[in-house]
Amino acid sequence: MKTLGYDQPLYILPFDHRGSFVTKMFGWHGLRAAAGVKGFIDFAVGRTVFWDPLVNFLSKKTSRDAAGAEIARRYREFVEIFEHARPS
């Protein structure tokens, strides 16, 4: 019988999801450090990173397009940090 599942090392970077990933437990330095670890292949971003643009849109302080652009900018920032830190 074949065993199912992932059989390679799996690394998980914890972070405090109650506040901004940028200012809490690990920050950008943690993402950079983890990206350089063999076996660390991806990352997750908590909803609090996108909270302010959504609140501003819902309270009509900003447009839907502006909120979407800010969410995209924030996500892209994570992607760029991760990609630049990964070994070639």
C-alpha atoms as a PDB file:
ATOM      1  CA  MET A   1       0.000   0.000   0.000  1.00  0.00           C
ATOM      2  CA  LYS A   2       1.333   3.425  -0.957  1.00  0.00           C
ATOM      3  CA  THR A   3       1.616   5.987   1.827  1.00  0.00           C
ATOM      4  CA  LEU A   4      -0.035   9.275   0.954  1.00  0.00           C
ATOM      5  CA  GLY A   5       1.185  12.681   2.044  1.00  0.00           C
ATOM      6  CA  TYR A   6       4.071  15.065   1.845  1.00  0.00           C
ATOM      7  CA  ASP A   7       7.303  13.278   2.734  1.00  0.00           C
ATOM      8  CA  GLN A   8       9.797  16.157   2.563  1.00  0.00           C
ATOM      9  CA  PRO A   9      10.855  18.567   5.323  1.00  0.00           C
ATOM     10  CA  LEU A  10       8.236  21.237   5.882  1.00  0.00           C
ATOM     11  CA  TYR A  11       9.100  24.548   7.522  1.00  0.00           C
ATOM     12  CA  ILE A  12       6.467  26.848   8.974  1.00  0.00           C
ATOM     13  CA  LEU A  13       7.112  30.446   9.968  1.00  0.00           C
ATOM     14  CA  PRO A  14       4.752  31.487  12.771  1.00  0.00           C
ATOM     15  CA  PHE A  15       3.624  35.059  13.199  1.00  0.00           C
ATOM     16  CA  ASP A  16       1.280  37.021  15.362  1.00  0.00           C
ATOM     17  CA  HIS A  17      -1.931  37.242  13.313  1.00  0.00           C
ATOM     18  CA  ARG A  18      -3.534  39.778  15.653  1.00  0.00           C
ATOM     19  CA  GLY A  19      -1.552  42.685  14.253  1.00  0.00           C
ATOM     20  CA  SER A  20       0.463  43.686  11.265  1.00  0.00           C
ATOM     21  CA  PHE A  21       3.014  41.093  10.198  1.00  0.00           C
ATOM     22  CA  VAL A  22       5.332  43.987   9.509  1.00  0.00           C
ATOM     23  CA  THR A  23       5.481  45.143  13.122  1.00  0.00           C
ATOM     24  CA  LYS A  24       4.893  42.000  15.138  1.00  0.00           C
ATOM     25  CA  MET A  25       6.762  38.813  15.902  1.00  0.00           C
ATOM     26  CA  PHE A  26       9.115  38.374  12.942  1.00  0.00           C
ATOM     27  CA  GLY A  27       8.556  41.219  10.516  1.00  0.00           C
ATOM     28  CA  TRP A  28      10.300  41.473   7.157  1.00  0.00           C
ATOM     29  CA  HIS A  29      13.508  40.045   8.614  1.00  0.00           C
ATOM     30  CA  GLY A  30      11.745  36.800   9.475  1.00  0.00           C
ATOM     31  CA  LEU A  31      10.321  36.449   5.988  1.00  0.00           C
ATOM     32  CA  ARG A  32      13.764  37.127   4.492  1.00  0.00           C
ATOM     33  CA  ALA A  33      15.412  34.604   6.823  1.00  0.00           C
ATOM     34  CA  ALA A  34      12.815  31.917   6.178  1.00  0.00           C
ATOM     35  CA  ALA A  35      12.995  32.381   2.394  1.00  0.00           C
ATOM     36  CA  GLY A  36      16.647  31.384   2.515  1.00  0.00           C
ATOM     37  CA  VAL A  37      15.965  28.075   4.271  1.00  0.00           C
ATOM     38  CA  LYS A  38      16.021  25.010   2.039  1.00  0.00           C
ATOM     39  CA  GLY A  39      12.527  23.551   1.983  1.00  0.00           C
ATOM     40  CA  PHE A  40      10.726  26.819   2.735  1.00  0.00           C
ATOM     41  CA  ILE A  41       8.762  27.247  -0.482  1.00  0.00           C
ATOM     42  CA  ASP A  42       5.911  29.631   0.257  1.00  0.00           C
ATOM     43  CA  PHE A  43       4.379  32.013   2.757  1.00  0.00           C
ATOM     44  CA  ALA A  44       0.948  33.102   3.945  1.00  0.00           C
ATOM     45  CA  VAL A  45      -0.253  36.609   4.679  1.00  0.00           C
ATOM     46  CA  GLY A  46      -2.862  37.237   7.359  1.00  0.00           C
ATOM     47  CA  ARG A  47      -5.961  39.295   6.759  1.00  0.00           C
ATOM     48  CA  THR A  48      -4.794  42.062   9.090  1.00  0.00           C
ATOM     49  CA  VAL A  49      -2.294  43.127   6.430  1.00  0.00           C
ATOM     50  CA  PHE A  50      -5.237  44.069   4.210  1.00  0.00           C
ATOM     51  CA  TRP A  51      -7.531  45.355   6.954  1.00  0.00           C
ATOM     52  CA  ASP A  52      -6.924  49.120   6.722  1.00  0.00           C
ATOM     53  CA  PRO A  53      -7.619  49.403   2.972  1.00  0.00           C
ATOM     54  CA  LEU A  54     -10.859  47.453   3.443  1.00  0.00           C
ATOM     55  CA  VAL A  55     -11.970  49.566   6.391  1.00  0.00           C
ATOM     56  CA  ASN A  56     -11.207  52.740   4.434  1.00  0.00           C
ATOM     57  CA  PHE A  57     -13.241  51.488   1.479  1.00  0.00           C
ATOM     58  CA  LEU A  58     -16.207  50.400   3.608  1.00  0.00           C
ATOM     59  CA  SER A  59     -16.239  53.737   5.435  1.00  0.00           C
ATOM     60  CA  LYS A  60     -16.124  55.520   2.063  1.00  0.00           C
ATOM     61  CA  LYS A  61     -12.770  57.159   2.839  1.00  0.00           C
ATOM     62  CA  THR A  62     -11.327  55.678  -0.340  1.00  0.00           C
ATOM     63  CA  SER A  63     -12.582  54.204  -3.585  1.00  0.00           C
ATOM     64  CA  ARG A  64     -12.824  50.533  -4.445  1.00  0.00           C
ATOM     65  CA  ASP A  65     -10.023  50.965  -6.994  1.00  0.00           C
ATOM     66  CA  ALA A  66      -7.761  52.702  -4.469  1.00  0.00           C
ATOM     67  CA  ALA A  67      -8.385  50.001  -1.836  1.00  0.00           C
ATOM     68  CA  GLY A  68      -7.685  47.273  -4.373  1.00  0.00           C
ATOM     69  CA  ALA A  69      -4.490  49.002  -5.476  1.00  0.00           C
ATOM     70  CA  GLU A  70      -3.277  49.290  -1.873  1.00  0.00           C
ATOM     71  CA  ILE A  71      -4.032  45.629  -1.157  1.00  0.00           C
ATOM     72  CA  ALA A  72      -2.148  44.641  -4.309  1.00  0.00           C
ATOM     73  CA  ARG A  73       0.792  46.879  -3.368  1.00  0.00           C
ATOM     74  CA  ARG A  74       1.028  45.355   0.101  1.00  0.00           C
ATOM     75  CA  TYR A  75       0.849  41.800  -1.215  1.00  0.00           C
ATOM     76  CA  ARG A  76       3.416  42.544  -3.936  1.00  0.00           C
ATOM     77  CA  GLU A  77       5.763  43.873  -1.263  1.00  0.00           C
ATOM     78  CA  PHE A  78       5.651  40.495   0.514  1.00  0.00           C
ATOM     79  CA  VAL A  79       6.230  38.661  -2.771  1.00  0.00           C
ATOM     80  CA  GLU A  80       9.223  40.838  -3.697  1.00  0.00           C
ATOM     81  CA  ILE A  81      10.845  40.401  -0.278  1.00  0.00           C
ATOM     82  CA  PHE A  82      10.350  36.643  -0.440  1.00  0.00           C
ATOM     83  CA  GLU A  83      11.570  36.284  -4.031  1.00  0.00           C
ATOM     84  CA  HIS A  84      14.687  38.420  -3.486  1.00  0.00           C
ATOM     85  CA  ALA A  85      15.633  36.443  -0.392  1.00  0.00           C
ATOM     86  CA  ARG A  86      15.261  32.992  -1.967  1.00  0.00           C
ATOM     87  CA  PRO A  87      18.462  31.235  -2.992  1.00  0.00           C
ATOM     88  CA  SER A  88      18.998  30.898  -6.738  1.00  0.00           C
END
